[in-house]
Amino acid sequence: MPIVHVTTNLSRRLGTEIAKGITVLVSDMTKKSAEGVIVTHKHEYEMYYAGSDAPLAFVRFTSLGMTSADTEGYSQGFASFFKQNLDIDESRVIVEFHAPDPTHLGISGTTLAELRKRNE
């Protein structure tokens, strides 16, 4: 269940098509079903990077099983996507990665660790 939280200083919302694009990107990068990808977006935030308020995206990306070997490729994927789709310079796409233990992510009143046990 990958989760992507996007915060930008852009004046417009991502919109359904961009959110779908992020879903496909994440599904392709992680090799996980698009059905489990969550995308959120906060826009019009006052944001600065290196003292500049030029277009900026801060991405919090959570995915079970992610390793440090994955993060550079994921960072490149997000940077390229935001450049192509929102014209945000790749140097201004900042990604924070989280790989929680399955016991620390809940759904349907239980945890993913428990759901995995039930499906074994």
Protein backbone atom coordinates (compact mmCIF):
# COMPACT_ATOMS: atom_id res chain seq x y z
CA MET A 1 0.00 0.00 0.00
CA PRO A 2 2.25 2.84 -1.19
CA ILE A 3 1.26 6.30 0.05
CA VAL A 4 2.33 9.52 -1.66
CA HIS A 5 1.79 12.86 0.08
CA VAL A 6 2.60 15.78 -2.23
CA THR A 7 2.90 19.35 -0.99
CA THR A 8 3.49 22.14 -3.51
CA ASN A 9 3.55 25.89 -3.66
CA LEU A 10 1.63 25.73 -6.93
CA SER A 11 -1.65 27.64 -7.10
CA ARG A 12 -3.51 24.76 -8.71
CA ARG A 13 -4.58 21.32 -7.60
CA LEU A 14 -2.97 18.26 -9.13
CA GLY A 15 -6.24 17.10 -10.62
CA THR A 16 -7.41 13.58 -11.33
CA GLU A 17 -5.17 12.98 -14.35
CA ILE A 18 -1.96 13.93 -12.51
CA ALA A 19 -3.04 11.87 -9.47
CA LYS A 20 -3.67 8.91 -11.78
CA GLY A 21 -0.25 9.47 -13.34
CA ILE A 22 1.40 9.41 -9.91
CA THR A 23 -0.51 6.21 -9.13
CA VAL A 24 0.77 4.54 -12.31
CA LEU A 25 4.31 5.82 -11.66
CA VAL A 26 4.33 4.41 -8.12
CA SER A 27 2.80 1.12 -9.23
CA ASP A 28 5.45 0.77 -11.94
CA MET A 29 8.34 1.73 -9.64
CA THR A 30 7.31 -0.51 -6.74
CA LYS A 31 5.81 -3.36 -8.79
CA LYS A 32 2.72 -3.13 -6.55
CA SER A 33 -0.90 -2.92 -7.63
CA ALA A 34 -2.21 0.54 -8.50
CA GLU A 35 -5.37 -0.40 -6.55
CA GLY A 36 -3.48 0.09 -3.27
CA VAL A 37 -1.77 3.42 -4.05
CA ILE A 38 -2.93 6.46 -2.06
CA VAL A 39 -2.15 9.98 -3.36
CA THR A 40 -2.77 13.18 -1.40
CA HIS A 41 -1.99 16.76 -2.43
CA LYS A 42 -1.75 20.03 -0.55
CA HIS A 43 -1.31 23.07 -2.78
CA GLU A 44 -0.76 26.81 -2.40
CA TYR A 45 1.57 26.31 0.55
CA GLU A 46 4.11 29.00 1.29
CA MET A 47 7.29 27.03 0.60
CA TYR A 48 10.91 28.02 0.14
CA TYR A 49 13.96 26.02 -0.83
CA ALA A 50 17.40 27.63 -0.88
CA GLY A 51 15.65 30.93 -0.16
CA SER A 52 13.56 30.77 -3.34
CA ASP A 53 9.80 30.44 -3.75
CA ALA A 54 10.14 29.03 -7.28
CA PRO A 55 7.88 26.02 -7.98
CA LEU A 56 8.65 23.33 -5.43
CA ALA A 57 7.32 19.88 -4.55
CA PHE A 58 7.89 18.05 -1.29
CA VAL A 59 6.95 14.37 -1.51
CA ARG A 60 6.57 12.03 1.46
CA PHE A 61 6.66 8.52 0.07
CA THR A 62 5.75 5.53 2.22
CA SER A 63 6.06 1.97 0.96
CA LEU A 64 6.45 -1.34 2.73
CA GLY A 65 9.57 -3.26 1.83
CA MET A 66 11.39 -0.28 0.33
CA THR A 67 15.17 -0.44 0.74
CA SER A 68 17.95 2.10 0.38
CA ALA A 69 18.76 0.45 -2.95
CA ASP A 70 15.33 1.60 -4.22
CA THR A 71 15.34 5.23 -3.17
CA GLU A 72 17.58 6.79 -5.81
CA GLY A 73 15.49 5.34 -8.63
CA TYR A 74 12.29 6.43 -6.90
CA SER A 75 13.69 9.93 -6.44
CA GLN A 76 14.56 10.06 -10.16
CA GLY A 77 11.07 8.84 -11.05
CA PHE A 78 9.32 11.51 -9.00
CA ALA A 79 11.66 14.28 -10.20
CA SER A 80 11.13 13.37 -13.83
CA PHE A 81 7.36 13.07 -13.40
CA PHE A 82 6.99 16.47 -11.73
CA LYS A 83 9.22 18.11 -14.33
CA GLN A 84 7.23 16.66 -17.23
CA ASN A 85 3.76 17.15 -15.77
CA LEU A 86 3.99 20.25 -13.56
CA ASP A 87 7.12 21.98 -14.88
CA ILE A 88 8.85 21.82 -11.50
CA ASP A 89 12.62 21.74 -11.93
CA GLU A 90 14.02 18.35 -10.91
CA SER A 91 16.34 20.05 -8.41
CA ARG A 92 13.23 21.35 -6.61
CA VAL A 93 11.51 18.00 -6.10
CA ILE A 94 12.41 16.86 -2.59
CA VAL A 95 11.46 13.31 -1.55
CA GLU A 96 11.35 11.93 1.98
CA PHE A 97 11.18 8.13 2.16
CA HIS A 98 9.50 5.97 4.80
CA ALA A 99 9.51 2.17 4.94
CA PRO A 100 7.44 1.24 7.98
CA ASP A 101 7.29 -2.20 9.48
CA PRO A 102 4.01 -3.92 8.48
CA THR A 103 3.00 -3.83 12.15
CA HIS A 104 3.03 -0.02 11.94
CA LEU A 105 0.56 0.39 9.08
CA GLY A 106 -3.10 -0.32 9.70
CA ILE A 107 -6.10 -0.94 7.47
CA SER A 108 -9.53 -2.52 7.97
CA GLY A 109 -9.17 -2.38 11.75
CA THR A 110 -5.97 -4.40 11.84
CA THR A 111 -2.38 -4.15 10.62
CA LEU A 112 -0.85 -5.22 7.36
CA ALA A 113 1.27 -7.72 9.28
CA GLU A 114 -1.90 -9.43 10.55
CA LEU A 115 -3.52 -9.36 7.10
CA ARG A 116 -0.43 -11.00 5.62
CA LYS A 117 -0.62 -13.76 8.23
CA ARG A 118 -4.24 -14.43 7.33
CA ASN A 119 -3.37 -14.68 3.63
CA GLU A 120 -0.52 -17.17 4.08
